[in-house]
Protein backbone atom coordinates (compact mmCIF):
# COMPACT_ATOMS: atom_id res chain seq x y z
CA MET A 1 -0.06 0.09 0.09
CA ALA A 2 2.90 2.30 0.77
CA SER A 3 4.42 1.54 -2.66
CA LEU A 4 1.21 2.23 -4.39
CA GLY A 5 0.65 5.36 -2.35
CA LEU A 6 4.08 6.88 -3.44
CA PHE A 7 3.30 5.98 -7.01
CA LEU A 8 -0.20 7.83 -6.67
CA ILE A 9 1.60 10.92 -5.22
CA ARG A 10 4.33 10.86 -8.11
CA LEU A 11 1.38 10.55 -10.56
CA LEU A 12 -0.28 13.64 -9.06
CA VAL A 13 2.84 15.68 -8.74
CA ASN A 14 4.14 15.02 -12.23
CA ARG A 15 0.87 14.34 -14.13
CA ASN A 16 2.29 11.33 -15.92
CA ILE A 17 2.44 7.60 -15.57
CA ASP A 18 6.09 7.16 -15.69
CA TYR A 19 7.19 4.08 -13.72
CA TRP A 20 3.92 2.39 -14.30
CA TYR A 21 5.79 -0.81 -14.88
CA LEU A 22 6.73 -0.79 -11.06
CA VAL A 23 3.13 -1.59 -10.18
CA TRP A 24 3.22 -4.51 -12.70
CA ASN A 25 6.50 -5.82 -11.46
CA LEU A 26 5.31 -5.73 -7.90
CA LEU A 27 2.25 -7.66 -8.97
CA LEU A 28 4.51 -10.34 -10.56
CA ALA A 29 6.77 -10.19 -7.23
CA PHE A 30 3.66 -11.40 -5.28
CA VAL A 31 2.88 -14.32 -7.59
CA PRO A 32 5.50 -16.74 -6.12
CA LEU A 33 4.22 -15.82 -2.53
CA VAL A 34 0.61 -16.77 -3.39
CA LEU A 35 1.86 -19.82 -5.15
CA ILE A 36 4.06 -21.19 -2.22
CA ILE A 37 1.04 -20.52 0.20
CA TYR A 38 -1.15 -22.52 -2.18
CA ILE A 39 1.41 -25.24 -2.39
CA VAL A 40 1.48 -25.61 1.43
CA LYS A 41 -2.28 -26.25 1.27
CA TRP A 42 -1.83 -28.63 -1.73
CA LEU A 43 0.78 -30.80 0.06
CA LYS A 44 -1.66 -31.57 2.94
CA ASN A 45 -3.36 -33.85 0.40
CA HIS A 46 -0.60 -34.57 -1.86
CA ARG A 47 2.98 -35.80 -2.01
CA LEU A 48 6.04 -33.68 -2.87
CA SER A 49 6.69 -36.13 -5.77
CA HIS A 50 3.23 -35.74 -7.22
CA PRO A 51 3.33 -34.34 -10.76
CA GLY A 52 0.93 -31.57 -9.80
CA THR A 53 3.30 -30.67 -6.91
CA ILE A 54 6.35 -30.57 -9.23
CA ALA A 55 4.33 -28.50 -11.84
CA LEU A 56 3.42 -25.94 -9.09
CA LEU A 57 6.95 -25.78 -7.83
CA PHE A 58 8.37 -25.20 -11.28
CA ALA A 59 5.78 -22.36 -11.53
CA TRP A 60 6.92 -20.93 -8.36
CA LEU A 61 10.54 -21.02 -9.10
CA SER A 62 9.76 -19.57 -12.61
CA PHE A 63 8.17 -16.35 -11.10
CA LEU A 64 10.39 -16.16 -8.07
CA PRO A 65 13.13 -14.00 -9.82
CA ASN A 66 10.42 -11.31 -10.26
CA SER A 67 10.53 -10.74 -6.58
CA PHE A 68 14.12 -9.61 -6.64
CA TYR A 69 14.15 -8.23 -10.15
CA ILE A 70 12.63 -4.84 -9.11
CA ILE A 71 15.91 -3.84 -7.54
CA THR A 72 17.28 -3.48 -11.05
CA ASP A 73 14.59 -0.60 -11.75
CA TYR A 74 16.87 1.80 -10.24
CA ILE A 75 18.45 1.97 -13.63
CA HIS A 76 15.55 4.00 -14.88
CA LEU A 77 16.43 6.80 -12.46
CA LEU A 78 19.09 7.83 -14.94
CA ASP A 79 16.11 8.93 -17.37
CA THR A 80 14.29 10.80 -14.66
CA LYS A 81 13.57 14.39 -16.06
CA THR A 82 11.53 15.65 -13.29
CA THR A 83 12.35 17.81 -10.09
CA SER A 84 11.13 14.87 -7.90
CA LEU A 85 14.17 12.81 -8.02
CA MET A 86 14.17 12.26 -4.38
CA LEU A 87 10.58 10.93 -4.60
CA ASP A 88 11.65 8.74 -7.52
CA ILE A 89 14.34 7.26 -5.27
CA VAL A 90 12.24 6.62 -2.38
CA MET A 91 9.43 5.19 -4.55
CA VAL A 92 11.75 2.57 -6.36
CA PHE A 93 13.17 1.70 -3.07
CA MET A 94 9.78 1.09 -1.40
CA PHE A 95 8.86 -1.03 -4.46
CA SER A 96 12.13 -3.08 -4.49
CA LEU A 97 12.06 -3.51 -0.77
CA THR A 98 8.42 -4.84 -0.90
CA GLY A 99 9.42 -7.22 -3.64
CA LEU A 100 12.44 -8.53 -1.60
CA ILE A 101 10.25 -9.10 1.48
CA ALA A 102 7.73 -11.07 -0.63
CA GLY A 103 10.54 -13.15 -2.23
CA PHE A 104 12.19 -13.82 0.97
CA ALA A 105 9.01 -14.73 2.71
CA SER A 106 8.38 -17.04 -0.14
CA VAL A 107 11.75 -18.79 0.13
CA TYR A 108 11.27 -18.99 3.93
CA ILE A 109 8.00 -20.87 3.56
CA PHE A 110 9.55 -23.28 0.92
CA GLU A 111 12.39 -23.82 3.42
CA LYS A 112 9.85 -24.71 6.10
CA LEU A 113 8.44 -27.39 3.89
CA LEU A 114 11.87 -28.89 2.98
CA ALA A 115 12.87 -28.92 6.70
CA LYS A 116 10.25 -31.40 7.42
CA ARG A 117 12.01 -33.91 5.04
CA TYR A 118 15.61 -32.88 4.88
CA SER A 119 18.38 -31.88 6.98
CA HIS A 120 19.33 -28.22 7.70
CA LYS A 121 22.49 -28.22 5.44
CA SER A 122 20.49 -29.70 2.52
CA VAL A 123 17.93 -27.00 2.88
CA GLN A 124 20.51 -24.19 2.91
CA ALA A 125 22.18 -25.81 -0.18
CA VAL A 126 18.82 -25.73 -2.01
CA SER A 127 18.19 -22.05 -0.98
CA MET A 128 21.66 -21.10 -2.28
CA SER A 129 20.95 -22.90 -5.54
CA ILE A 130 17.50 -21.08 -5.84
CA PHE A 131 19.27 -17.75 -5.09
CA LEU A 132 21.86 -18.48 -7.96
CA VAL A 133 19.14 -19.31 -10.44
CA CYS A 134 17.19 -16.13 -9.49
CA SER A 135 20.37 -14.09 -9.92
CA PHE A 136 21.07 -15.60 -13.38
CA ALA A 137 17.32 -15.01 -14.12
CA ILE A 138 17.61 -11.39 -13.30
CA TYR A 139 20.43 -11.06 -15.89
CA LEU A 140 18.14 -12.73 -18.45
CA GLY A 141 15.37 -10.41 -17.68
CA ARG A 142 17.22 -7.20 -17.59
CA TYR A 143 19.66 -7.72 -20.28
CA LEU A 144 18.04 -10.13 -22.65
CA ARG A 145 14.36 -9.16 -21.79
CA TRP A 146 13.27 -12.59 -21.23
CA ASN A 147 10.11 -13.16 -19.02
CA SER A 148 8.84 -15.98 -16.81
CA TRP A 149 6.20 -17.03 -19.01
CA ASP A 150 8.70 -17.46 -21.98
CA LEU A 151 9.80 -20.68 -20.29
CA VAL A 152 6.56 -21.83 -21.81
CA LEU A 153 6.02 -19.55 -24.68
CA ASN A 154 9.58 -19.78 -26.07
CA PRO A 155 11.68 -22.45 -24.11
CA ILE A 156 14.03 -23.09 -27.18
CA GLY A 157 14.95 -19.41 -27.36
CA ILE A 158 15.83 -19.46 -23.60
CA VAL A 159 17.80 -22.72 -23.94
CA PHE A 160 19.79 -21.32 -26.91
CA ASP A 161 20.79 -18.17 -25.00
CA VAL A 162 21.68 -19.99 -21.79
CA SER A 163 23.62 -22.77 -23.47
CA ASP A 164 25.58 -20.18 -25.58
CA ARG A 165 26.74 -18.44 -22.47
CA LEU A 166 27.64 -21.71 -20.79
CA ILE A 167 29.56 -22.99 -23.79
CA ASN A 168 31.32 -19.73 -24.44
CA PRO A 169 31.65 -18.05 -20.92
CA THR A 170 34.57 -15.91 -21.99
CA ALA A 171 32.59 -14.08 -24.31
CA TYR A 172 29.88 -13.06 -21.96
CA GLY A 173 31.68 -11.57 -18.87
CA VAL A 174 28.57 -9.40 -18.10
CA THR A 175 26.45 -12.52 -17.67
CA PHE A 176 28.57 -13.96 -14.91
CA SER A 177 29.53 -10.68 -13.15
CA THR A 178 25.78 -9.63 -13.00
CA THR A 179 24.86 -13.08 -11.74
CA ALA A 180 27.65 -13.02 -9.09
CA ILE A 181 26.73 -9.51 -8.01
CA PHE A 182 22.92 -10.35 -7.42
CA PHE A 183 23.77 -13.68 -5.91
CA LEU A 184 25.88 -12.11 -3.25
CA PHE A 185 23.25 -9.33 -2.65
CA ILE A 186 20.25 -11.63 -2.34
CA SER A 187 21.86 -14.47 -0.40
CA SER A 188 23.77 -12.38 2.05
CA LEU A 189 20.63 -10.17 2.76
CA TYR A 190 18.40 -13.14 3.13
CA PHE A 191 20.58 -14.95 5.56
CA ALA A 192 21.51 -11.95 7.50
CA GLY A 193 17.68 -11.52 8.02
CA ILE A 194 17.25 -15.21 8.91
CA TYR A 195 19.99 -15.04 11.46
CA THR A 196 18.67 -11.81 12.86
CA LEU A 197 15.18 -13.53 13.31
CA LYS A 198 16.78 -16.52 15.16
CA ALA A 199 18.88 -14.12 17.42
CA ASP A 200 15.65 -12.24 18.32
CA LYS A 201 14.00 -15.70 19.26
CA LYS A 202 16.76 -16.48 21.62
């Protein structure tokens, strides 16, 4: 609500709908949270190995990068031509923070599901792998403009772009530097939050 409130304030101040995509991106950021909540209910009557569960988890993982992707929208501040730069900064921060919280909450719920079946180290390894995939997906979204639904609409195109970068890593330095930067950012922020919560409980 705070994010949308800032967007409406900017709309009234500048009388334009610049940054409208933040609202769309935030909507996408909440899709994995809704999905994982549904998956929790689904698993009460189905096994983790059920085809339906696997399909739901695939959809969840496909949309999860959107929760962290909003942080890249800071790049649009370079194009800000209004006198409300400070408002734009705070607005983008609020949208990205909300997206991060939604994404982290989603991963935390997923960890709770895994914790019932696997060891703590295994769960952490899975979380790190998820953050790595999300970081690479952020690169695919920002630089190559792929979307989550393209995994269904154009999987061959995605496979081609991904495989080309894995086969010729030296030709795509930005791919791996961007992935590494976001992996460090997302994973460190998440685990710092988790350890803070654990310390608070103690």
